[in-house]
Amino acid sequence: MNIIFMGTPDFAVPSLKKLITSKHTVQAVFTQPDKPKGRKMILTPPEVKVCALENNIEVYQPNTLKDGEALEIIKSYNPDVIVVAAYGKILPKEVLDYPRYGCINIHGSLLPKYRGAAPIQRAVLDGEQETGVTTMQMAEGLDTGDMLLVYKTKITEDETSGELFDRLALAGADLLLDTLNDVENGKINPQKQDDSKATYAKMIDKSMCPVDFSKPAQTVHNQVRGLKPWPVATAVINDKKLKIHKTKVSPLSGKPGEVVSLNPLTVACGDNSVEVLELQPEGKKVMDSKAYLAGNKINIGDKFS
């Protein structure tokens, strides 16, 4: 099939690469405009753009798909299908309806759970034990289209959203190819979503970083792994702000926020406690807590906030 691919971040790259090496033809790529990143605000292209240009595929970066210009570009290619993976823009009805096989989306959750922008992070933050990837026929609503194929996987106890993100990106690429082959061969069986079971995964932001140690240890642990690699959980001790990169639930107890052990560094929560295994002082690199304690005095009974 002839395909126009729409995607932006690294989650979409494995799917684009899989399509490029398949029997299908990627005619063009649509992605978000380049954006300034880092402290120096250097204009940086999306990962999908980089991949496309490396493979000599034409790239388009419209600010909107609603002014008619994007539709004219799409019509010039006359694709059989448009594949969408974490593109980040709403597709108007005229775009959704144009290709022969419509628009097929790869979404990082078991729909209808976790519709929206941050399904992978939210699943980890919520302590879910299972998630997956769903391909769906796109409709005008937000992730409301008919489900095509589903891949399920367990979330391990200490898996971060970044680790899960990488796994699902690869699984999604395989699922996409299976979906396209079934669609092309008339073997697909679309399933309606049960809207009564739908949940929404809103964007992650830095306001979620501060850790509340009065919450159960499992909740704190889920927060730490759910916000890894961005924006990363934070806590303050002895007037020093630390990013908390890795924890483990411990059965030790104490007053919430209180340091109850130094080997390893362990902080009491609302119930049980968390071992702080990796942290990052402001302006420094990530280190294990043992290295941090070697250069920073912390005592049993000191309090995190």
C-alpha atoms as a PDB file:
ATOM      1  CA  MET A   1       0.000   0.000   0.000  1.00  0.00           C
ATOM      2  CA  ASN A   2       0.981   3.629  -0.509  1.00  0.00           C
ATOM      3  CA  ILE A   3       1.202   5.326   2.880  1.00  0.00           C
ATOM      4  CA  ILE A   4       1.466   8.818   4.293  1.00  0.00           C
ATOM      5  CA  PHE A   5       2.929   8.643   7.797  1.00  0.00           C
ATOM      6  CA  MET A   6       2.108  11.181  10.500  1.00  0.00           C
ATOM      7  CA  GLY A   7       4.120  11.127  13.707  1.00  0.00           C
ATOM      8  CA  THR A   8       6.479  13.224  15.801  1.00  0.00           C
ATOM      9  CA  PRO A   9       8.400  11.766  18.808  1.00  0.00           C
ATOM     10  CA  ASP A  10      10.656   8.759  19.217  1.00  0.00           C
ATOM     11  CA  PHE A  11       7.652   6.503  19.976  1.00  0.00           C
ATOM     12  CA  ALA A  12       6.708   6.765  16.286  1.00  0.00           C
ATOM     13  CA  VAL A  13      10.158   6.055  14.859  1.00  0.00           C
ATOM     14  CA  PRO A  14      10.106   2.211  15.095  1.00  0.00           C
ATOM     15  CA  SER A  15       6.797   2.191  13.204  1.00  0.00           C
ATOM     16  CA  LEU A  16       8.181   4.436  10.482  1.00  0.00           C
ATOM     17  CA  LYS A  17      11.313   2.293  10.185  1.00  0.00           C
ATOM     18  CA  LYS A  18       9.227  -0.880  10.022  1.00  0.00           C
ATOM     19  CA  LEU A  19       7.126   0.588   7.200  1.00  0.00           C
ATOM     20  CA  ILE A  20      10.208   1.716   5.274  1.00  0.00           C
ATOM     21  CA  THR A  21      11.608  -1.822   5.253  1.00  0.00           C
ATOM     22  CA  SER A  22       8.244  -3.453   4.488  1.00  0.00           C
ATOM     23  CA  LYS A  23       6.551  -4.180   1.169  1.00  0.00           C
ATOM     24  CA  HIS A  24       4.575  -0.959   1.587  1.00  0.00           C
ATOM     25  CA  THR A  25       5.679   2.447   0.291  1.00  0.00           C
ATOM     26  CA  VAL A  26       6.000   5.497   2.539  1.00  0.00           C
ATOM     27  CA  GLN A  27       5.258   8.353   0.160  1.00  0.00           C
ATOM     28  CA  ALA A  28       5.646  11.260   2.572  1.00  0.00           C
ATOM     29  CA  VAL A  29       5.848  12.118   6.265  1.00  0.00           C
ATOM     30  CA  PHE A  30       3.940  14.760   8.215  1.00  0.00           C
ATOM     31  CA  THR A  31       5.396  15.835  11.541  1.00  0.00           C
ATOM     32  CA  GLN A  32       5.314  18.742  13.977  1.00  0.00           C
ATOM     33  CA  PRO A  33       7.383  21.877  13.259  1.00  0.00           C
ATOM     34  CA  ASP A  34      10.924  22.033  14.644  1.00  0.00           C
ATOM     35  CA  LYS A  35      10.974  23.346  18.215  1.00  0.00           C
ATOM     36  CA  PRO A  36      13.612  25.028  20.423  1.00  0.00           C
ATOM     37  CA  LYS A  37      15.021  22.659  23.039  1.00  0.00           C
ATOM     38  CA  GLY A  38      17.517  22.716  25.885  1.00  0.00           C
ATOM     39  CA  ARG A  39      18.905  25.616  27.863  1.00  0.00           C
ATOM     40  CA  LYS A  40      20.194  27.269  24.706  1.00  0.00           C
ATOM     41  CA  MET A  41      16.815  26.786  22.988  1.00  0.00           C
ATOM     42  CA  ILE A  42      18.371  25.328  19.857  1.00  0.00           C
ATOM     43  CA  LEU A  43      15.839  24.690  17.081  1.00  0.00           C
ATOM     44  CA  THR A  44      15.577  20.898  16.939  1.00  0.00           C
ATOM     45  CA  PRO A  45      13.764  18.666  14.422  1.00  0.00           C
ATOM     46  CA  PRO A  46      11.393  15.920  15.644  1.00  0.00           C
ATOM     47  CA  GLU A  47      12.822  12.391  15.700  1.00  0.00           C
ATOM     48  CA  VAL A  48      10.423  11.337  12.940  1.00  0.00           C
ATOM     49  CA  LYS A  49      11.722  14.080  10.646  1.00  0.00           C
ATOM     50  CA  VAL A  50      15.298  12.960  11.206  1.00  0.00           C
ATOM     51  CA  CYS A  51      14.387   9.364  10.354  1.00  0.00           C
ATOM     52  CA  ALA A  52      12.448  10.384   7.250  1.00  0.00           C
ATOM     53  CA  LEU A  53      15.217  12.578   5.852  1.00  0.00           C
ATOM     54  CA  GLU A  54      17.776   9.833   6.467  1.00  0.00           C
ATOM     55  CA  ASN A  55      15.643   7.660   4.210  1.00  0.00           C
ATOM     56  CA  ASN A  56      15.072  10.353   1.554  1.00  0.00           C
ATOM     57  CA  ILE A  57      11.368  10.710   2.309  1.00  0.00           C
ATOM     58  CA  GLU A  58       9.653  14.056   1.739  1.00  0.00           C
ATOM     59  CA  VAL A  59       8.733  15.788   5.009  1.00  0.00           C
ATOM     60  CA  TYR A  60       5.922  18.269   5.650  1.00  0.00           C
ATOM     61  CA  GLN A  61       5.573  20.274   8.882  1.00  0.00           C
ATOM     62  CA  PRO A  62       2.333  22.258   8.696  1.00  0.00           C
ATOM     63  CA  ASN A  63       1.182  24.305  11.668  1.00  0.00           C
ATOM     64  CA  THR A  64      -2.350  23.086  11.027  1.00  0.00           C
ATOM     65  CA  LEU A  65      -4.195  20.482   8.984  1.00  0.00           C
ATOM     66  CA  LYS A  66      -7.397  22.519   8.981  1.00  0.00           C
ATOM     67  CA  ASP A  67      -6.689  25.212   6.374  1.00  0.00           C
ATOM     68  CA  GLY A  68      -7.027  22.972   3.316  1.00  0.00           C
ATOM     69  CA  GLU A  69      -3.368  23.124   2.285  1.00  0.00           C
ATOM     70  CA  ALA A  70      -2.465  19.841   3.974  1.00  0.00           C
ATOM     71  CA  LEU A  71      -5.405  18.115   2.303  1.00  0.00           C
ATOM     72  CA  GLU A  72      -4.224  19.269  -1.110  1.00  0.00           C
ATOM     73  CA  ILE A  73      -0.762  17.852  -0.387  1.00  0.00           C
ATOM     74  CA  ILE A  74      -2.335  14.556   0.697  1.00  0.00           C
ATOM     75  CA  LYS A  75      -4.462  14.449  -2.455  1.00  0.00           C
ATOM     76  CA  SER A  76      -1.353  14.912  -4.591  1.00  0.00           C
ATOM     77  CA  TYR A  77      -0.003  11.636  -3.201  1.00  0.00           C
ATOM     78  CA  ASN A  78      -3.359   9.822  -3.226  1.00  0.00           C
ATOM     79  CA  PRO A  79      -2.342   7.409  -0.423  1.00  0.00           C
ATOM     80  CA  ASP A  80      -4.182   4.165   0.264  1.00  0.00           C
ATOM     81  CA  VAL A  81      -3.958   4.843   3.989  1.00  0.00           C
ATOM     82  CA  ILE A  82      -2.627   7.412   6.452  1.00  0.00           C
ATOM     83  CA  VAL A  83      -0.800   5.966   9.456  1.00  0.00           C
ATOM     84  CA  VAL A  84      -0.739   8.117  12.599  1.00  0.00           C
ATOM     85  CA  ALA A  85       1.567   7.527  15.579  1.00  0.00           C
ATOM     86  CA  ALA A  86       1.792  10.185  18.300  1.00  0.00           C
ATOM     87  CA  TYR A  87       1.489  12.989  15.752  1.00  0.00           C
ATOM     88  CA  GLY A  88       0.122  15.553  18.186  1.00  0.00           C
ATOM     89  CA  LYS A  89      -2.393  17.263  15.912  1.00  0.00           C
ATOM     90  CA  ILE A  90      -6.113  16.778  15.355  1.00  0.00           C
ATOM     91  CA  LEU A  91      -6.986  15.410  11.912  1.00  0.00           C
ATOM     92  CA  PRO A  92     -10.059  17.076  10.377  1.00  0.00           C
ATOM     93  CA  LYS A  93     -12.843  14.942   8.920  1.00  0.00           C
ATOM     94  CA  GLU A  94     -11.836  15.641   5.314  1.00  0.00           C
ATOM     95  CA  VAL A  95      -8.379  14.186   6.005  1.00  0.00           C
ATOM     96  CA  LEU A  96      -9.756  11.218   7.964  1.00  0.00           C
ATOM     97  CA  ASP A  97     -12.120  10.347   5.120  1.00  0.00           C
ATOM     98  CA  TYR A  98      -9.813  10.839   2.145  1.00  0.00           C
ATOM     99  CA  PRO A  99      -7.645   7.671   1.922  1.00  0.00           C
ATOM    100  CA  ARG A 100      -9.164   4.447   0.626  1.00  0.00           C
ATOM    101  CA  TYR A 101      -8.557   2.719   3.967  1.00  0.00           C
ATOM    102  CA  GLY A 102      -8.929   5.859   6.077  1.00  0.00           C
ATOM    103  CA  CYS A 103      -6.496   6.735   8.857  1.00  0.00           C
ATOM    104  CA  ILE A 104      -5.052   4.093  11.191  1.00  0.00           C
ATOM    105  CA  ASN A 105      -3.644   5.115  14.562  1.00  0.00           C
ATOM    106  CA  ILE A 106      -1.217   3.352  16.907  1.00  0.00           C
ATOM    107  CA  HIS A 107      -2.069   4.109  20.540  1.00  0.00           C
ATOM    108  CA  GLY A 108      -0.034   3.080  23.585  1.00  0.00           C
ATOM    109  CA  SER A 109      -2.797   1.644  25.761  1.00  0.00           C
ATOM    110  CA  LEU A 110      -5.508  -0.980  25.905  1.00  0.00           C
ATOM    111  CA  LEU A 111      -8.356   1.159  24.650  1.00  0.00           C
ATOM    112  CA  PRO A 112     -10.749   2.460  25.782  1.00  0.00           C
ATOM    113  CA  LYS A 113      -8.548   2.928  28.870  1.00  0.00           C
ATOM    114  CA  TYR A 114      -6.114   5.835  28.739  1.00  0.00           C
ATOM    115  CA  ARG A 115      -7.295   7.739  25.733  1.00  0.00           C
ATOM    116  CA  GLY A 116      -5.313  10.944  25.292  1.00  0.00           C
ATOM    117  CA  ALA A 117      -1.784  12.295  25.326  1.00  0.00           C
ATOM    118  CA  ALA A 118       0.107  10.325  27.994  1.00  0.00           C
ATOM    119  CA  PRO A 119      -1.264   6.761  28.183  1.00  0.00           C
ATOM    120  CA  ILE A 120       2.043   5.047  28.957  1.00  0.00           C
ATOM    121  CA  GLN A 121       3.083   7.354  31.776  1.00  0.00           C
ATOM    122  CA  ARG A 122      -0.383   7.337  33.301  1.00  0.00           C
ATOM    123  CA  ALA A 123      -0.552   3.554  33.330  1.00  0.00           C
ATOM    124  CA  VAL A 124       2.696   3.416  35.329  1.00  0.00           C
ATOM    125  CA  LEU A 125       1.668   6.271  37.642  1.00  0.00           C
ATOM    126  CA  ASP A 126      -1.578   4.467  38.386  1.00  0.00           C
ATOM    127  CA  GLY A 127       0.211   1.222  39.197  1.00  0.00           C
ATOM    128  CA  GLU A 128      -1.383  -0.734  36.365  1.00  0.00           C
ATOM    129  CA  GLN A 129      -0.069  -4.272  35.998  1.00  0.00           C
ATOM    130  CA  GLU A 130      -1.015  -4.661  32.340  1.00  0.00           C
ATOM    131  CA  THR A 131      -1.055  -2.395  29.312  1.00  0.00           C
ATOM    132  CA  GLY A 132      -0.407  -2.666  25.594  1.00  0.00           C
ATOM    133  CA  VAL A 133      -0.895  -1.128  22.185  1.00  0.00           C
ATOM    134  CA  THR A 134      -4.091  -0.751  20.172  1.00  0.00           C
ATOM    135  CA  THR A 135      -4.408   0.006  16.479  1.00  0.00           C
ATOM    136  CA  MET A 136      -7.643   1.732  15.572  1.00  0.00           C
ATOM    137  CA  GLN A 137      -9.552   3.239  12.692  1.00  0.00           C
ATOM    138  CA  MET A 138      -9.466   6.924  13.450  1.00  0.00           C
ATOM    139  CA  ALA A 139     -12.698   8.865  13.982  1.00  0.00           C
ATOM    140  CA  GLU A 140     -13.363  12.509  14.836  1.00  0.00           C
ATOM    141  CA  GLY A 141     -13.328  11.948  18.618  1.00  0.00           C
ATOM    142  CA  LEU A 142     -10.185  11.660  20.744  1.00  0.00           C
ATOM    143  CA  ASP A 143      -9.013   8.035  20.411  1.00  0.00           C
ATOM    144  CA  THR A 144     -12.614   6.890  19.999  1.00  0.00           C
ATOM    145  CA  GLY A 145     -12.344   4.945  16.730  1.00  0.00           C
ATOM    146  CA  ASP A 146     -13.005   1.262  16.201  1.00  0.00           C
ATOM    147  CA  MET A 147     -10.244  -1.020  17.514  1.00  0.00           C
ATOM    148  CA  LEU A 148      -8.465  -3.164  14.929  1.00  0.00           C
ATOM    149  CA  LEU A 149      -5.742  -5.218  16.659  1.00  0.00           C
ATOM    150  CA  VAL A 150      -4.494  -5.306  20.259  1.00  0.00           C
ATOM    151  CA  TYR A 151      -1.162  -6.279  21.840  1.00  0.00           C
ATOM    152  CA  LYS A 152      -1.078  -6.901  25.612  1.00  0.00           C
ATOM    153  CA  THR A 153       1.898  -6.981  27.979  1.00  0.00           C
ATOM    154  CA  LYS A 154       2.602  -7.042  31.710  1.00  0.00           C
ATOM    155  CA  ILE A 155       4.128  -4.011  33.436  1.00  0.00           C
ATOM    156  CA  THR A 156       6.858  -5.165  35.800  1.00  0.00           C
ATOM    157  CA  GLU A 157       7.047  -3.859  39.357  1.00  0.00           C
ATOM    158  CA  ASP A 158      10.045  -1.578  38.838  1.00  0.00           C
ATOM    159  CA  GLU A 159       9.599  -0.721  35.140  1.00  0.00           C
ATOM    160  CA  THR A 160       9.748   2.998  34.357  1.00  0.00           C
ATOM    161  CA  SER A 161       7.541   4.732  31.852  1.00  0.00           C
ATOM    162  CA  GLY A 162      10.623   5.251  29.676  1.00  0.00           C
ATOM    163  CA  GLU A 163      11.407   1.535  29.629  1.00  0.00           C
ATOM    164  CA  LEU A 164       7.777   0.678  28.925  1.00  0.00           C
ATOM    165  CA  PHE A 165       7.647   3.391  26.264  1.00  0.00           C
ATOM    166  CA  ASP A 166      10.526   1.750  24.393  1.00  0.00           C
ATOM    167  CA  ARG A 167       8.959  -1.704  24.603  1.00  0.00           C
ATOM    168  CA  LEU A 168       5.574  -0.523  23.380  1.00  0.00           C
ATOM    169  CA  ALA A 169       7.101   1.479  20.532  1.00  0.00           C
ATOM    170  CA  LEU A 170       8.677  -1.695  19.153  1.00  0.00           C
ATOM    171  CA  ALA A 171       5.557  -3.780  19.783  1.00  0.00           C
ATOM    172  CA  GLY A 172       3.441  -1.092  18.140  1.00  0.00           C
ATOM    173  CA  ALA A 173       5.551  -1.239  14.986  1.00  0.00           C
ATOM    174  CA  ASP A 174       4.938  -4.976  14.642  1.00  0.00           C
ATOM    175  CA  LEU A 175       1.239  -4.570  15.419  1.00  0.00           C
ATOM    176  CA  LEU A 176       0.958  -1.836  12.795  1.00  0.00           C
ATOM    177  CA  LEU A 177       2.385  -4.049  10.095  1.00  0.00           C
ATOM    178  CA  ASP A 178       0.022  -6.890  11.047  1.00  0.00           C
ATOM    179  CA  THR A 179      -2.876  -4.432  10.973  1.00  0.00           C
ATOM    180  CA  LEU A 180      -2.030  -3.068   7.524  1.00  0.00           C
ATOM    181  CA  ASN A 181      -1.634  -6.562   6.109  1.00  0.00           C
ATOM    182  CA  ASP A 182      -5.002  -7.637   7.532  1.00  0.00           C
ATOM    183  CA  VAL A 183      -6.691  -4.469   6.255  1.00  0.00           C
ATOM    184  CA  GLU A 184      -5.230  -4.971   2.779  1.00  0.00           C
ATOM    185  CA  ASN A 185      -6.309  -8.616   2.722  1.00  0.00           C
ATOM    186  CA  GLY A 186      -9.808  -7.937   4.049  1.00  0.00           C
ATOM    187  CA  LYS A 187      -9.191  -9.924   7.243  1.00  0.00           C
ATOM    188  CA  ILE A 188      -9.686  -7.131   9.763  1.00  0.00           C
ATOM    189  CA  ASN A 189     -12.628  -7.165  12.179  1.00  0.00           C
ATOM    190  CA  PRO A 190     -13.139  -3.683  13.711  1.00  0.00           C
ATOM    191  CA  GLN A 191     -14.501  -3.625  17.263  1.00  0.00           C
ATOM    192  CA  LYS A 192     -16.439  -0.727  18.785  1.00  0.00           C
ATOM    193  CA  GLN A 193     -15.012   0.748  21.965  1.00  0.00           C
ATOM    194  CA  ASP A 194     -17.076   0.649  25.149  1.00  0.00           C
ATOM    195  CA  ASP A 195     -17.243   4.356  25.966  1.00  0.00           C
ATOM    196  CA  SER A 196     -18.494   3.597  29.487  1.00  0.00           C
ATOM    197  CA  LYS A 197     -15.059   2.129  30.292  1.00  0.00           C
ATOM    198  CA  ALA A 198     -13.064   5.004  28.805  1.00  0.00           C
ATOM    199  CA  THR A 199     -10.489   6.899  30.862  1.00  0.00           C
ATOM    200  CA  TYR A 200      -8.427   9.930  29.862  1.00  0.00           C
ATOM    201  CA  ALA A 201      -4.639  10.209  30.133  1.00  0.00           C
ATOM    202  CA  LYS A 202      -3.918  13.929  30.288  1.00  0.00           C
ATOM    203  CA  MET A 203      -0.506  15.454  29.645  1.00  0.00           C
ATOM    204  CA  ILE A 204       2.309  15.040  32.160  1.00  0.00           C
ATOM    205  CA  ASP A 205       3.878  18.237  33.539  1.00  0.00           C
ATOM    206  CA  LYS A 206       6.388  19.429  36.131  1.00  0.00           C
ATOM    207  CA  SER A 207       3.710  20.212  38.709  1.00  0.00           C
ATOM    208  CA  MET A 208       3.557  16.450  39.304  1.00  0.00           C
ATOM    209  CA  CYS A 209       7.205  16.175  40.375  1.00  0.00           C
ATOM    210  CA  PRO A 210       7.218  16.897  44.149  1.00  0.00           C
ATOM    211  CA  VAL A 211       6.888  13.687  46.162  1.00  0.00           C
ATOM    212  CA  ASP A 212       4.360  13.532  48.992  1.00  0.00           C
ATOM    213  CA  PHE A 213       5.810  11.007  51.423  1.00  0.00           C
ATOM    214  CA  SER A 214       2.555  10.877  53.382  1.00  0.00           C
ATOM    215  CA  LYS A 215       1.216   8.706  50.563  1.00  0.00           C
ATOM    216  CA  PRO A 216       1.746   4.912  50.541  1.00  0.00           C
ATOM    217  CA  ALA A 217       5.182   3.696  49.493  1.00  0.00           C
ATOM    218  CA  GLN A 218       3.766   1.972  46.423  1.00  0.00           C
ATOM    219  CA  THR A 219       2.206   5.250  45.265  1.00  0.00           C
ATOM    220  CA  VAL A 220       5.505   7.074  45.719  1.00  0.00           C
ATOM    221  CA  HIS A 221       7.352   4.317  43.866  1.00  0.00           C
ATOM    222  CA  ASN A 222       4.849   4.509  41.028  1.00  0.00           C
ATOM    223  CA  GLN A 223       5.318   8.277  40.860  1.00  0.00           C
ATOM    224  CA  VAL A 224       9.089   7.940  40.610  1.00  0.00           C
ATOM    225  CA  ARG A 225       9.005   5.350  37.831  1.00  0.00           C
ATOM    226  CA  GLY A 226       6.067   7.006  36.075  1.00  0.00           C
ATOM    227  CA  LEU A 227       7.887  10.343  35.781  1.00  0.00           C
ATOM    228  CA  LYS A 228      11.120   8.759  34.550  1.00  0.00           C
ATOM    229  CA  PRO A 229      12.758   9.902  32.262  1.00  0.00           C
ATOM    230  CA  TRP A 230      10.753  13.176  32.286  1.00  0.00           C
ATOM    231  CA  PRO A 231      10.021  15.304  34.214  1.00  0.00           C
ATOM    232  CA  VAL A 232      11.421  13.194  37.147  1.00  0.00           C
ATOM    233  CA  ALA A 233      10.143  13.140  40.733  1.00  0.00           C
ATOM    234  CA  THR A 234      11.693  15.592  43.208  1.00  0.00           C
ATOM    235  CA  ALA A 235      12.182  15.932  46.968  1.00  0.00           C
ATOM    236  CA  VAL A 236      14.023  18.276  49.338  1.00  0.00           C
ATOM    237  CA  ILE A 237      16.282  17.376  52.275  1.00  0.00           C
ATOM    238  CA  ASN A 238      18.487  19.724  54.284  1.00  0.00           C
ATOM    239  CA  ASP A 239      17.392  22.556  51.953  1.00  0.00           C
ATOM    240  CA  LYS A 240      18.750  20.683  48.925  1.00  0.00           C
ATOM    241  CA  LYS A 241      16.451  19.761  46.070  1.00  0.00           C
ATOM    242  CA  LEU A 242      17.040  16.322  44.572  1.00  0.00           C
ATOM    243  CA  LYS A 243      15.607  14.535  41.579  1.00  0.00           C
ATOM    244  CA  ILE A 244      14.631  10.980  42.511  1.00  0.00           C
ATOM    245  CA  HIS A 245      15.355   8.629  39.608  1.00  0.00           C
ATOM    246  CA  LYS A 246      14.986   5.149  41.076  1.00  0.00           C
ATOM    247  CA  THR A 247      13.310   3.656  44.130  1.00  0.00           C
ATOM    248  CA  LYS A 248      12.242   0.334  45.572  1.00  0.00           C
ATOM    249  CA  VAL A 249       9.464  -0.392  48.054  1.00  0.00           C
ATOM    250  CA  SER A 250      10.704  -1.399  51.517  1.00  0.00           C
ATOM    251  CA  PRO A 251       8.789  -2.817  54.527  1.00  0.00           C
ATOM    252  CA  LEU A 252      10.490  -0.415  56.973  1.00  0.00           C
ATOM    253  CA  SER A 253       8.244   2.133  58.669  1.00  0.00           C
ATOM    254  CA  GLY A 254       8.495   5.523  60.331  1.00  0.00           C
ATOM    255  CA  LYS A 255       7.085   9.035  60.193  1.00  0.00           C
ATOM    256  CA  PRO A 256       6.357  10.126  56.594  1.00  0.00           C
ATOM    257  CA  GLY A 257       9.436  11.687  55.007  1.00  0.00           C
ATOM    258  CA  GLU A 258      11.771  10.513  57.771  1.00  0.00           C
ATOM    259  CA  VAL A 259      15.062   8.834  56.900  1.00  0.00           C
ATOM    260  CA  VAL A 260      14.856   5.394  58.529  1.00  0.00           C
ATOM    261  CA  SER A 261      17.986   3.802  57.066  1.00  0.00           C
ATOM    262  CA  LEU A 262      21.195   4.850  55.334  1.00  0.00           C
ATOM    263  CA  ASN A 263      22.099   1.451  53.927  1.00  0.00           C
ATOM    264  CA  PRO A 264      20.482   1.952  51.516  1.00  0.00           C
ATOM    265  CA  LEU A 265      19.003   5.437  51.897  1.00  0.00           C
ATOM    266  CA  THR A 266      15.408   4.691  52.927  1.00  0.00           C
ATOM    267  CA  VAL A 267      12.570   7.169  53.471  1.00  0.00           C
ATOM    268  CA  ALA A 268       9.372   6.359  55.363  1.00  0.00           C
ATOM    269  CA  CYS A 269       6.034   6.898  53.639  1.00  0.00           C
ATOM    270  CA  GLY A 270       2.379   6.834  54.707  1.00  0.00           C
ATOM    271  CA  ASP A 271       2.818   3.091  54.942  1.00  0.00           C
ATOM    272  CA  ASN A 272       6.073   1.210  54.496  1.00  0.00           C
ATOM    273  CA  SER A 273       8.939   3.151  52.886  1.00  0.00           C
ATOM    274  CA  VAL A 274      10.995   3.561  49.725  1.00  0.00           C
ATOM    275  CA  GLU A 275      14.663   2.890  49.178  1.00  0.00           C
ATOM    276  CA  VAL A 276      16.122   5.770  47.176  1.00  0.00           C
ATOM    277  CA  LEU A 277      18.553   4.004  44.854  1.00  0.00           C
ATOM    278  CA  GLU A 278      19.426   6.738  42.328  1.00  0.00           C
ATOM    279  CA  LEU A 279      19.172  10.497  42.677  1.00  0.00           C
ATOM    280  CA  GLN A 280      20.444  13.695  41.119  1.00  0.00           C
ATOM    281  CA  PRO A 281      21.506  16.878  42.931  1.00  0.00           C
ATOM    282  CA  GLU A 282      20.810  20.151  41.150  1.00  0.00           C
ATOM    283  CA  GLY A 283      23.378  20.848  38.465  1.00  0.00           C
ATOM    284  CA  LYS A 284      24.977  17.415  38.745  1.00  0.00           C
ATOM    285  CA  LYS A 285      24.713  13.996  37.119  1.00  0.00           C
ATOM    286  CA  VAL A 286      22.599  11.067  38.274  1.00  0.00           C
ATOM    287  CA  MET A 287      24.344   9.011  40.979  1.00  0.00           C
ATOM    288  CA  ASP A 288      23.508   6.162  43.311  1.00  0.00           C
ATOM    289  CA  SER A 289      22.491   7.174  46.804  1.00  0.00           C
ATOM    290  CA  LYS A 290      25.630   5.643  48.339  1.00  0.00           C
ATOM    291  CA  ALA A 291      27.800   8.036  46.329  1.00  0.00           C
ATOM    292  CA  TYR A 292      25.587  10.951  47.353  1.00  0.00           C
ATOM    293  CA  LEU A 293      25.807  10.036  51.044  1.00  0.00           C
ATOM    294  CA  ALA A 294      29.600   9.904  50.790  1.00  0.00           C
ATOM    295  CA  GLY A 295      29.649  13.625  50.040  1.00  0.00           C
ATOM    296  CA  ASN A 296      26.515  14.862  51.798  1.00  0.00           C
ATOM    297  CA  LYS A 297      25.723  14.419  55.470  1.00  0.00           C
ATOM    298  CA  ILE A 298      22.333  12.844  56.106  1.00  0.00           C
ATOM    299  CA  ASN A 299      21.345  11.334  59.460  1.00  0.00           C
ATOM    300  CA  ILE A 300      18.713   8.867  60.577  1.00  0.00           C
ATOM    301  CA  GLY A 301      15.681  10.981  61.480  1.00  0.00           C
ATOM    302  CA  ASP A 302      16.380  13.727  58.948  1.00  0.00           C
ATOM    303  CA  LYS A 303      13.287  14.546  56.949  1.00  0.00           C
ATOM    304  CA  PHE A 304      12.529  14.677  53.253  1.00  0.00           C
ATOM    305  CA  SER A 305       9.840  17.057  52.061  1.00  0.00           C
END
